[in-house]
Each structure stands twice: as structure tokens, then as C-alpha cells.
Amino acid sequence: MTIKAANPSLAIAFMLTATAFIAATMLLAKTLGTDALGAPLHPLQISHGRFLFAFIVIASTAAILRPQLARPHWGLHIGRTLFGWGGVTLMFAAVAFIPLSDATAISFLNPVFGMLLAIPLLGEKVGKWRWFAAFTALLGAMILLRPGQGTFQLAGLLALGAAILMGMELIFIKKTRQS
């Protein structure tokens, strides 16, 4: 496998494009999951549609490019897919009940949960600055969840569950890369 030189401009463009697609997907999920366009769809229907369209795009691209796959570890790929699907479905359920900005901010805790899960599952060591960053992120999530009397948003736990499942997906992605 040949490794190409880093291209920061291209990486930035890809990150901005991915962020725009994520935002658009979340907005569409909120629109479809509420009565904005008629009868709301169930989060499982929305996530099924999202993954069906993604599969069509990926399968079409693979059919055209014909990539060579070297003995994939199917168990890791299936695990990653299940955790990713569960996280996306919980996120789509969360955005139907709480503001899109809150759900998105809470779901962005997935790297924190990935870090926390990597300690027991991958045996990784975490330095003090990462612990500080994780604590700061969790504190921000608690502010968004508003854990007080009469202000707690139960649907915020859906977004938190989504972040945990997506954190577990990160573990599977890392394990896939190592195998």
C-alpha cells in the first residue's frame, strides 16, 4: 500500500463537506421525524432510508472502481455497522424531541466515549490533557442536558446513547484498522 503525502487543503475540504452532509442529514431527520411535512416517520424508517441510499451510492462506486479487498474481518465490520446503525437511529429519535443543536452537540461526545472505551477494550493509555478535554466535553453535555428539577430532557438521553454507541463504533473502526 502506497501512502501519499498529506494534503491539508484537501483534508479541510473533505471535513467541511462531511460536516455539511451530517448537518443536512440531521436536519432532514428532524423534518421527517416531526410533523413538519405530514405524519412523522419512525426513527427506524429514517435510518433505514439513510443507510439504503448510502448503500446504493457505495455499491455503485464500488461497481465502477472495482476496489481490491484483502480478506476483510467480517465480524469487525458487522459490529461496526450495528453500533453505527444504532447510534444513528438513536440520534434520529433524539432530534425529533429536542433542539437539533442540543442533540448534535451531545452526539459530538462520541470521541470522548471512544476514548473511555479504548482504555478497557484496547488497553490504551490516556494523558492528563485528554482527560481534561473529556471532562470539559462532559461538562458541556451536562449543561445541554439541563439535569435539574423540571428541566431535564429525557430525549437528551437518546442523544447521549447515540454518542455512546458511536463511541463503540470508533473502537470497531480502530480494531478493523489494526487487523
N, C-alpha and C. Protein backbone atom coordinates (compact mmCIF):
# COMPACT_ATOMS: atom_id res chain seq x y z
N MET A 1 0.84 -1.17 0.00
CA MET A 1 0.00 0.00 0.00
C MET A 1 0.89 1.24 0.00
N THR A 2 0.61 2.14 -0.92
CA THR A 2 1.37 3.37 -1.02
C THR A 2 0.70 4.46 -0.21
N ILE A 3 1.48 5.16 0.59
CA ILE A 3 0.95 6.26 1.39
C ILE A 3 1.33 7.56 0.71
N LYS A 4 0.32 8.38 0.44
CA LYS A 4 0.55 9.66 -0.23
C LYS A 4 0.86 10.73 0.80
N ALA A 5 1.51 11.79 0.34
CA ALA A 5 1.83 12.92 1.22
C ALA A 5 0.54 13.60 1.68
N ALA A 6 0.59 14.17 2.87
CA ALA A 6 -0.58 14.86 3.43
C ALA A 6 -0.92 16.08 2.59
N ASN A 7 -2.21 16.31 2.43
CA ASN A 7 -2.69 17.48 1.71
C ASN A 7 -3.70 18.18 2.62
N PRO A 8 -3.23 19.13 3.45
CA PRO A 8 -4.13 19.77 4.42
C PRO A 8 -5.33 20.45 3.78
N SER A 9 -5.16 21.07 2.64
CA SER A 9 -6.29 21.75 1.98
C SER A 9 -7.38 20.76 1.59
N LEU A 10 -6.96 19.62 1.05
CA LEU A 10 -7.94 18.60 0.68
C LEU A 10 -8.61 18.02 1.91
N ALA A 11 -7.84 17.80 2.98
CA ALA A 11 -8.42 17.28 4.23
C ALA A 11 -9.44 18.25 4.79
N ILE A 12 -9.13 19.54 4.76
CA ILE A 12 -10.08 20.55 5.24
C ILE A 12 -11.34 20.54 4.40
N ALA A 13 -11.18 20.46 3.10
CA ALA A 13 -12.35 20.43 2.20
C ALA A 13 -13.22 19.21 2.48
N PHE A 14 -12.59 18.05 2.69
CA PHE A 14 -13.36 16.84 3.00
C PHE A 14 -14.08 16.98 4.34
N MET A 15 -13.42 17.53 5.33
CA MET A 15 -14.05 17.71 6.65
C MET A 15 -15.24 18.67 6.57
N LEU A 16 -15.08 19.77 5.86
CA LEU A 16 -16.18 20.72 5.72
C LEU A 16 -17.35 20.10 4.96
N THR A 17 -17.04 19.35 3.91
CA THR A 17 -18.09 18.68 3.15
C THR A 17 -18.82 17.65 4.00
N ALA A 18 -18.06 16.86 4.75
CA ALA A 18 -18.67 15.85 5.62
C ALA A 18 -19.54 16.51 6.68
N THR A 19 -19.07 17.60 7.26
CA THR A 19 -19.84 18.32 8.27
C THR A 19 -21.14 18.86 7.68
N ALA A 20 -21.07 19.38 6.47
CA ALA A 20 -22.29 19.88 5.81
C ALA A 20 -23.27 18.74 5.56
N PHE A 21 -22.77 17.58 5.13
CA PHE A 21 -23.66 16.43 4.90
C PHE A 21 -24.28 15.94 6.21
N ILE A 22 -23.49 15.92 7.27
CA ILE A 22 -24.02 15.49 8.58
C ILE A 22 -25.11 16.45 9.03
N ALA A 23 -24.86 17.74 8.90
CA ALA A 23 -25.86 18.74 9.30
C ALA A 23 -27.13 18.60 8.46
N ALA A 24 -26.96 18.40 7.17
CA ALA A 24 -28.13 18.24 6.28
C ALA A 24 -28.91 16.98 6.63
N THR A 25 -28.20 15.90 6.93
CA THR A 25 -28.86 14.65 7.30
C THR A 25 -29.64 14.82 8.59
N MET A 26 -29.06 15.50 9.57
CA MET A 26 -29.75 15.70 10.84
C MET A 26 -30.98 16.59 10.66
N LEU A 27 -30.86 17.62 9.83
CA LEU A 27 -31.99 18.50 9.57
C LEU A 27 -33.11 17.73 8.87
N LEU A 28 -32.74 16.90 7.90
CA LEU A 28 -33.74 16.09 7.21
C LEU A 28 -34.39 15.10 8.17
N ALA A 29 -33.60 14.50 9.05
CA ALA A 29 -34.16 13.55 10.03
C ALA A 29 -35.13 14.25 10.97
N LYS A 30 -34.78 15.46 11.39
CA LYS A 30 -35.69 16.21 12.26
C LYS A 30 -36.98 16.54 11.53
N THR A 31 -36.86 16.94 10.27
CA THR A 31 -38.04 17.28 9.48
C THR A 31 -38.94 16.06 9.28
N LEU A 32 -38.32 14.92 8.97
CA LEU A 32 -39.10 13.70 8.73
C LEU A 32 -39.64 13.09 10.03
N GLY A 33 -38.93 13.32 11.14
CA GLY A 33 -39.32 12.73 12.42
C GLY A 33 -40.36 13.53 13.19
N THR A 34 -40.67 14.71 12.70
CA THR A 34 -41.71 15.54 13.32
C THR A 34 -42.84 15.71 12.30
N ASP A 35 -43.85 16.45 12.66
CA ASP A 35 -44.99 16.61 11.74
C ASP A 35 -44.82 17.81 10.81
N ALA A 36 -43.58 18.19 10.52
CA ALA A 36 -43.33 19.36 9.67
C ALA A 36 -43.81 19.14 8.23
N LEU A 37 -43.72 17.92 7.73
CA LEU A 37 -44.12 17.63 6.35
C LEU A 37 -45.28 16.65 6.27
N GLY A 38 -45.99 16.46 7.35
CA GLY A 38 -47.07 15.48 7.39
C GLY A 38 -46.84 14.55 8.56
N ALA A 39 -47.35 13.35 8.45
CA ALA A 39 -47.20 12.37 9.53
C ALA A 39 -45.72 12.05 9.74
N PRO A 40 -45.27 12.09 11.01
CA PRO A 40 -43.85 11.81 11.27
C PRO A 40 -43.50 10.36 11.01
N LEU A 41 -42.27 10.15 10.55
CA LEU A 41 -41.77 8.80 10.34
C LEU A 41 -41.08 8.32 11.61
N HIS A 42 -41.07 7.02 11.81
CA HIS A 42 -40.37 6.41 12.94
C HIS A 42 -38.86 6.51 12.68
N PRO A 43 -38.05 6.69 13.73
CA PRO A 43 -36.59 6.79 13.54
C PRO A 43 -35.99 5.59 12.80
N LEU A 44 -36.57 4.40 12.97
CA LEU A 44 -36.06 3.23 12.24
C LEU A 44 -36.29 3.38 10.74
N GLN A 45 -37.40 3.98 10.35
CA GLN A 45 -37.67 4.21 8.93
C GLN A 45 -36.68 5.22 8.37
N ILE A 46 -36.40 6.25 9.13
CA ILE A 46 -35.48 7.29 8.66
C ILE A 46 -34.07 6.73 8.52
N SER A 47 -33.61 5.98 9.53
CA SER A 47 -32.26 5.43 9.45
C SER A 47 -32.16 4.37 8.35
N HIS A 48 -33.24 3.61 8.14
CA HIS A 48 -33.23 2.63 7.05
C HIS A 48 -33.05 3.34 5.71
N GLY A 49 -33.80 4.41 5.52
CA GLY A 49 -33.67 5.18 4.28
C GLY A 49 -32.28 5.75 4.11
N ARG A 50 -31.71 6.26 5.18
CA ARG A 50 -30.37 6.84 5.12
C ARG A 50 -29.34 5.80 4.72
N PHE A 51 -29.41 4.62 5.34
CA PHE A 51 -28.44 3.57 5.04
C PHE A 51 -28.70 2.92 3.68
N LEU A 52 -29.95 2.86 3.26
CA LEU A 52 -30.25 2.32 1.93
C LEU A 52 -29.63 3.20 0.84
N PHE A 53 -29.83 4.51 0.96
CA PHE A 53 -29.26 5.42 -0.03
C PHE A 53 -27.73 5.40 0.02
N ALA A 54 -27.16 5.32 1.21
CA ALA A 54 -25.70 5.24 1.33
C ALA A 54 -25.19 3.95 0.69
N PHE A 55 -25.90 2.84 0.89
CA PHE A 55 -25.50 1.57 0.29
C PHE A 55 -25.53 1.66 -1.23
N ILE A 56 -26.56 2.29 -1.76
CA ILE A 56 -26.67 2.43 -3.22
C ILE A 56 -25.49 3.22 -3.77
N VAL A 57 -25.13 4.31 -3.11
CA VAL A 57 -24.00 5.13 -3.56
C VAL A 57 -22.69 4.35 -3.45
N ILE A 58 -22.48 3.68 -2.33
CA ILE A 58 -21.22 2.95 -2.14
C ILE A 58 -21.14 1.75 -3.09
N ALA A 59 -22.23 1.03 -3.25
CA ALA A 59 -22.23 -0.12 -4.16
C ALA A 59 -22.00 0.33 -5.60
N SER A 60 -22.59 1.44 -5.99
CA SER A 60 -22.39 1.96 -7.35
C SER A 60 -20.94 2.37 -7.56
N THR A 61 -20.37 3.04 -6.57
CA THR A 61 -18.97 3.45 -6.65
C THR A 61 -18.05 2.24 -6.72
N ALA A 62 -18.34 1.23 -5.90
CA ALA A 62 -17.52 0.01 -5.92
C ALA A 62 -17.65 -0.73 -7.25
N ALA A 63 -18.85 -0.72 -7.83
CA ALA A 63 -19.04 -1.38 -9.12
C ALA A 63 -18.23 -0.69 -10.22
N ILE A 64 -18.10 0.61 -10.11
CA ILE A 64 -17.35 1.36 -11.12
C ILE A 64 -15.84 1.25 -10.88
N LEU A 65 -15.40 1.44 -9.64
CA LEU A 65 -13.97 1.45 -9.33
C LEU A 65 -13.36 0.08 -9.14
N ARG A 66 -14.18 -0.91 -8.78
CA ARG A 66 -13.74 -2.29 -8.55
C ARG A 66 -12.52 -2.37 -7.62
N PRO A 67 -12.66 -1.93 -6.37
CA PRO A 67 -11.52 -1.98 -5.45
C PRO A 67 -11.18 -3.42 -5.08
N GLN A 68 -9.91 -3.66 -4.80
CA GLN A 68 -9.45 -4.98 -4.37
C GLN A 68 -9.51 -5.03 -2.85
N LEU A 69 -10.27 -5.97 -2.32
CA LEU A 69 -10.40 -6.12 -0.87
C LEU A 69 -9.57 -7.33 -0.44
N ALA A 70 -8.78 -7.12 0.61
CA ALA A 70 -7.92 -8.20 1.10
C ALA A 70 -8.53 -8.77 2.37
N ARG A 71 -9.12 -9.95 2.28
CA ARG A 71 -9.66 -10.70 3.40
C ARG A 71 -10.21 -9.83 4.53
N PRO A 72 -11.36 -9.26 4.35
CA PRO A 72 -11.92 -8.42 5.42
C PRO A 72 -12.31 -9.26 6.63
N HIS A 73 -12.24 -8.66 7.80
CA HIS A 73 -12.66 -9.31 9.04
C HIS A 73 -14.14 -9.00 9.21
N TRP A 74 -14.99 -9.93 8.76
CA TRP A 74 -16.43 -9.67 8.70
C TRP A 74 -17.05 -9.39 10.07
N GLY A 75 -16.56 -10.03 11.12
CA GLY A 75 -17.11 -9.79 12.45
C GLY A 75 -16.93 -8.35 12.89
N LEU A 76 -15.74 -7.80 12.64
CA LEU A 76 -15.50 -6.40 13.00
C LEU A 76 -16.35 -5.45 12.15
N HIS A 77 -16.50 -5.75 10.87
CA HIS A 77 -17.31 -4.90 10.00
C HIS A 77 -18.79 -4.95 10.40
N ILE A 78 -19.27 -6.12 10.75
CA ILE A 78 -20.67 -6.24 11.16
C ILE A 78 -20.89 -5.53 12.50
N GLY A 79 -19.96 -5.69 13.44
CA GLY A 79 -20.06 -4.98 14.72
C GLY A 79 -20.05 -3.48 14.54
N ARG A 80 -19.14 -2.98 13.71
CA ARG A 80 -19.08 -1.55 13.44
C ARG A 80 -20.37 -1.05 12.83
N THR A 81 -20.90 -1.82 11.91
CA THR A 81 -22.15 -1.44 11.25
C THR A 81 -23.31 -1.40 12.24
N LEU A 82 -23.40 -2.40 13.10
CA LEU A 82 -24.51 -2.44 14.06
C LEU A 82 -24.44 -1.28 15.06
N PHE A 83 -23.24 -0.99 15.58
CA PHE A 83 -23.12 0.13 16.51
C PHE A 83 -23.37 1.46 15.81
N GLY A 84 -22.89 1.60 14.58
CA GLY A 84 -23.14 2.83 13.83
C GLY A 84 -24.61 3.02 13.53
N TRP A 85 -25.26 1.94 13.11
CA TRP A 85 -26.71 1.99 12.82
C TRP A 85 -27.50 2.34 14.08
N GLY A 86 -27.15 1.72 15.19
CA GLY A 86 -27.84 2.01 16.45
C GLY A 86 -27.65 3.45 16.87
N GLY A 87 -26.43 3.96 16.74
CA GLY A 87 -26.16 5.35 17.10
C GLY A 87 -26.92 6.34 16.23
N VAL A 88 -26.93 6.09 14.93
CA VAL A 88 -27.64 6.99 14.02
C VAL A 88 -29.15 6.93 14.29
N THR A 89 -29.68 5.76 14.54
CA THR A 89 -31.11 5.63 14.81
C THR A 89 -31.49 6.36 16.10
N LEU A 90 -30.69 6.20 17.15
CA LEU A 90 -30.97 6.94 18.39
C LEU A 90 -30.86 8.45 18.17
N MET A 91 -29.91 8.85 17.36
CA MET A 91 -29.76 10.27 17.08
C MET A 91 -30.97 10.82 16.33
N PHE A 92 -31.46 10.06 15.37
CA PHE A 92 -32.65 10.50 14.63
C PHE A 92 -33.86 10.58 15.56
N ALA A 93 -33.93 9.66 16.53
CA ALA A 93 -35.02 9.73 17.51
C ALA A 93 -34.86 10.96 18.40
N ALA A 94 -33.64 11.28 18.79
CA ALA A 94 -33.40 12.42 19.68
C ALA A 94 -33.78 13.74 19.02
N VAL A 95 -33.42 13.90 17.73
CA VAL A 95 -33.69 15.20 17.09
C VAL A 95 -35.18 15.45 16.89
N ALA A 96 -35.99 14.41 16.99
CA ALA A 96 -37.44 14.62 16.87
C ALA A 96 -38.00 15.27 18.13
N PHE A 97 -37.28 15.18 19.25
CA PHE A 97 -37.81 15.66 20.53
C PHE A 97 -37.08 16.85 21.13
N ILE A 98 -35.81 17.02 20.81
CA ILE A 98 -35.06 18.14 21.39
C ILE A 98 -34.50 18.99 20.25
N PRO A 99 -34.05 20.19 20.56
CA PRO A 99 -33.49 21.04 19.51
C PRO A 99 -32.32 20.36 18.80
N LEU A 100 -32.26 20.58 17.52
CA LEU A 100 -31.22 19.98 16.69
C LEU A 100 -29.83 20.33 17.21
N SER A 101 -29.64 21.55 17.63
CA SER A 101 -28.32 21.97 18.13
C SER A 101 -27.92 21.21 19.39
N ASP A 102 -28.87 20.98 20.29
CA ASP A 102 -28.57 20.23 21.52
C ASP A 102 -28.22 18.78 21.20
N ALA A 103 -29.03 18.16 20.36
CA ALA A 103 -28.78 16.75 20.01
C ALA A 103 -27.43 16.59 19.33
N THR A 104 -27.10 17.49 18.43
CA THR A 104 -25.83 17.41 17.71
C THR A 104 -24.67 17.62 18.67
N ALA A 105 -24.78 18.61 19.54
CA ALA A 105 -23.70 18.87 20.49
C ALA A 105 -23.49 17.68 21.43
N ILE A 106 -24.57 17.08 21.89
CA ILE A 106 -24.44 15.91 22.77
C ILE A 106 -23.82 14.74 22.01
N SER A 107 -24.24 14.55 20.76
CA SER A 107 -23.71 13.41 19.99
C SER A 107 -22.23 13.58 19.69
N PHE A 108 -21.74 14.82 19.71
CA PHE A 108 -20.33 15.04 19.46
C PHE A 108 -19.46 14.56 20.62
N LEU A 109 -20.09 13.98 21.64
CA LEU A 109 -19.32 13.35 22.72
C LEU A 109 -18.80 11.97 22.31
N ASN A 110 -19.15 11.51 21.11
CA ASN A 110 -18.73 10.16 20.73
C ASN A 110 -17.22 9.95 20.80
N PRO A 111 -16.37 10.94 20.47
CA PRO A 111 -14.93 10.69 20.66
C PRO A 111 -14.55 10.52 22.13
N VAL A 112 -15.27 11.21 23.03
CA VAL A 112 -15.00 11.06 24.46
C VAL A 112 -15.33 9.64 24.89
N PHE A 113 -16.48 9.14 24.46
CA PHE A 113 -16.83 7.76 24.80
C PHE A 113 -15.91 6.77 24.11
N GLY A 114 -15.47 7.09 22.91
CA GLY A 114 -14.48 6.26 22.24
C GLY A 114 -13.19 6.18 23.04
N MET A 115 -12.75 7.32 23.58
CA MET A 115 -11.55 7.36 24.41
C MET A 115 -11.75 6.53 25.68
N LEU A 116 -12.90 6.74 26.34
CA LEU A 116 -13.17 6.00 27.58
C LEU A 116 -13.25 4.49 27.33
N LEU A 117 -13.86 4.10 26.24
CA LEU A 117 -13.98 2.67 25.91
C LEU A 117 -12.66 2.07 25.46
N ALA A 118 -11.77 2.89 24.90
CA ALA A 118 -10.48 2.38 24.43
C ALA A 118 -9.59 1.95 25.58
N ILE A 119 -9.83 2.50 26.76
CA ILE A 119 -8.99 2.14 27.90
C ILE A 119 -9.17 0.66 28.25
N PRO A 120 -10.41 0.19 28.52
CA PRO A 120 -10.54 -1.23 28.85
C PRO A 120 -10.52 -2.16 27.63
N LEU A 121 -11.02 -1.68 26.49
CA LEU A 121 -11.17 -2.58 25.34
C LEU A 121 -9.91 -2.68 24.48
N LEU A 122 -9.12 -1.62 24.44
CA LEU A 122 -7.91 -1.64 23.61
C LEU A 122 -6.62 -1.49 24.42
N GLY A 123 -6.78 -1.27 25.73
CA GLY A 123 -5.61 -1.13 26.60
C GLY A 123 -4.84 0.16 26.37
N GLU A 124 -5.50 1.20 25.90
CA GLU A 124 -4.81 2.46 25.63
C GLU A 124 -4.61 3.28 26.91
N LYS A 125 -3.58 4.09 26.89
CA LYS A 125 -3.28 5.00 28.00
C LYS A 125 -3.74 6.39 27.59
N VAL A 126 -4.29 7.13 28.56
CA VAL A 126 -4.81 8.47 28.29
C VAL A 126 -4.07 9.46 29.17
N GLY A 127 -3.54 10.51 28.54
CA GLY A 127 -2.79 11.54 29.27
C GLY A 127 -3.70 12.55 29.95
N LYS A 128 -3.08 13.40 30.77
CA LYS A 128 -3.86 14.35 31.57
C LYS A 128 -4.60 15.38 30.72
N TRP A 129 -4.04 15.79 29.59
CA TRP A 129 -4.71 16.79 28.76
C TRP A 129 -5.95 16.21 28.09
N ARG A 130 -5.90 14.95 27.72
CA ARG A 130 -7.09 14.31 27.13
C ARG A 130 -8.17 14.11 28.18
N TRP A 131 -7.75 13.78 29.41
CA TRP A 131 -8.73 13.68 30.49
C TRP A 131 -9.39 15.03 30.73
N PHE A 132 -8.60 16.09 30.70
CA PHE A 132 -9.14 17.44 30.89
C PHE A 132 -10.13 17.77 29.77
N ALA A 133 -9.76 17.46 28.53
CA ALA A 133 -10.65 17.73 27.40
C ALA A 133 -11.94 16.92 27.52
N ALA A 134 -11.82 15.65 27.93
CA ALA A 134 -13.01 14.81 28.10
C ALA A 134 -13.92 15.35 29.19
N PHE A 135 -13.34 15.77 30.30
CA PHE A 135 -14.12 16.34 31.40
C PHE A 135 -14.85 17.61 30.94
N THR A 136 -14.16 18.45 30.20
CA THR A 136 -14.76 19.69 29.69
C THR A 136 -15.93 19.37 28.75
N ALA A 137 -15.74 18.39 27.88
CA ALA A 137 -16.81 18.00 26.96
C ALA A 137 -18.01 17.44 27.72
N LEU A 138 -17.77 16.60 28.71
CA LEU A 138 -18.87 16.05 29.51
C LEU A 138 -19.59 17.14 30.30
N LEU A 139 -18.86 18.10 30.80
CA LEU A 139 -19.46 19.23 31.50
C LEU A 139 -20.38 20.02 30.55
N GLY A 140 -19.91 20.23 29.34
CA GLY A 140 -20.74 20.91 28.34
C GLY A 140 -22.01 20.13 28.02
N ALA A 141 -21.89 18.81 27.95
CA ALA A 141 -23.07 17.98 27.69
C ALA A 141 -24.06 18.07 28.84
N MET A 142 -23.56 18.10 30.06
CA MET A 142 -24.46 18.21 31.22
C MET A 142 -25.21 19.54 31.20
N ILE A 143 -24.54 20.58 30.76
CA ILE A 143 -25.22 21.88 30.64
C ILE A 143 -26.34 21.78 29.61
N LEU A 144 -26.08 21.10 28.50
CA LEU A 144 -27.10 20.94 27.46
C LEU A 144 -28.26 20.05 27.93
N LEU A 145 -27.95 19.01 28.72
CA LEU A 145 -28.99 18.12 29.21
C LEU A 145 -29.86 18.77 30.29
N ARG A 146 -29.35 19.82 30.90
CA ARG A 146 -30.08 20.54 31.95
C ARG A 146 -30.60 19.62 33.05
N PRO A 147 -29.71 18.93 33.77
CA PRO A 147 -30.18 17.98 34.77
C PRO A 147 -30.66 18.64 36.06
N GLY A 148 -31.77 19.30 35.98
CA GLY A 148 -32.34 19.94 37.15
C GLY A 148 -33.81 19.57 37.29
N GLN A 149 -34.37 19.96 38.38
CA GLN A 149 -35.77 19.63 38.64
C GLN A 149 -36.67 20.34 37.63
N GLY A 150 -37.44 19.58 36.89
CA GLY A 150 -38.40 20.14 35.94
C GLY A 150 -37.81 20.58 34.62
N THR A 151 -36.48 20.54 34.45
CA THR A 151 -35.89 20.98 33.19
C THR A 151 -35.18 19.85 32.46
N PHE A 152 -35.09 18.70 33.07
CA PHE A 152 -34.38 17.57 32.46
C PHE A 152 -35.10 17.12 31.19
N GLN A 153 -34.33 16.92 30.14
CA GLN A 153 -34.89 16.46 28.88
C GLN A 153 -34.56 14.98 28.70
N LEU A 154 -35.55 14.14 28.87
CA LEU A 154 -35.35 12.70 28.74
C LEU A 154 -34.82 12.34 27.35
N ALA A 155 -35.27 13.06 26.34
CA ALA A 155 -34.81 12.78 24.98
C ALA A 155 -33.32 13.07 24.83
N GLY A 156 -32.76 13.88 25.73
CA GLY A 156 -31.32 14.11 25.71
C GLY A 156 -30.55 12.82 25.95
N LEU A 157 -31.17 11.90 26.68
CA LEU A 157 -30.53 10.60 26.91
C LEU A 157 -30.44 9.79 25.62
N LEU A 158 -31.38 10.03 24.69
CA LEU A 158 -31.29 9.37 23.38
C LEU A 158 -30.02 9.82 22.65
N ALA A 159 -29.76 11.13 22.68
CA ALA A 159 -28.55 11.66 22.05
C ALA A 159 -27.30 11.15 22.77
N LEU A 160 -27.37 11.05 24.10
CA LEU A 160 -26.25 10.52 24.86
C LEU A 160 -26.01 9.04 24.52
N GLY A 161 -27.10 8.28 24.41
CA GLY A 161 -26.98 6.88 23.98
C GLY A 161 -26.38 6.77 22.59
N ALA A 162 -26.78 7.68 21.70
CA ALA A 162 -26.22 7.70 20.35
C ALA A 162 -24.71 7.94 20.41
N ALA A 163 -24.29 8.86 21.27
CA ALA A 163 -22.86 9.15 21.40
C ALA A 163 -22.10 7.93 21.92
N ILE A 164 -22.69 7.21 22.86
CA ILE A 164 -22.03 6.01 23.40
C ILE A 164 -21.90 4.94 22.32
N LEU A 165 -22.98 4.70 21.57
CA LEU A 165 -22.92 3.70 20.51
C LEU A 165 -21.93 4.10 19.42
N MET A 166 -21.90 5.38 19.08
CA MET A 166 -20.94 5.84 18.07
C MET A 166 -19.51 5.77 18.59
N GLY A 167 -19.33 5.96 19.91
CA GLY A 167 -18.02 5.77 20.51
C GLY A 167 -17.57 4.32 20.38
N MET A 168 -18.52 3.40 20.58
CA MET A 168 -18.19 1.98 20.41
C MET A 168 -17.88 1.67 18.94
N GLU A 169 -18.57 2.36 18.05
CA GLU A 169 -18.27 2.20 16.62
C GLU A 169 -16.82 2.60 16.34
N LEU A 170 -16.34 3.66 17.00
CA LEU A 170 -14.95 4.08 16.82
C LEU A 170 -13.98 2.99 17.25
N ILE A 171 -14.32 2.27 18.31
CA ILE A 171 -13.48 1.16 18.76
C ILE A 171 -13.39 0.10 17.66
N PHE A 172 -14.53 -0.24 17.07
CA PHE A 172 -14.53 -1.23 15.99
C PHE A 172 -13.76 -0.75 14.78
N ILE A 173 -13.86 0.54 14.47
CA ILE A 173 -13.11 1.09 13.34
C ILE A 173 -11.61 0.95 13.60
N LYS A 174 -11.19 1.27 14.81
CA LYS A 174 -9.77 1.15 15.15
C LYS A 174 -9.31 -0.30 15.09
N LYS A 175 -10.14 -1.22 15.62
CA LYS A 175 -9.79 -2.65 15.58
C LYS A 175 -9.73 -3.14 14.13
N THR A 176 -10.62 -2.64 13.28
CA THR A 176 -10.61 -3.02 11.87
C THR A 176 -9.30 -2.58 11.21
N ARG A 177 -8.87 -1.38 11.55
CA ARG A 177 -7.63 -0.84 11.00
C ARG A 177 -6.42 -1.65 11.47
N GLN A 178 -6.47 -2.19 12.69
CA GLN A 178 -5.35 -2.94 13.24
C GLN A 178 -5.30 -4.36 12.71
N SER A 179 -6.43 -4.88 12.23
CA SER A 179 -6.42 -6.29 11.79
C SER A 179 -5.96 -6.44 10.36
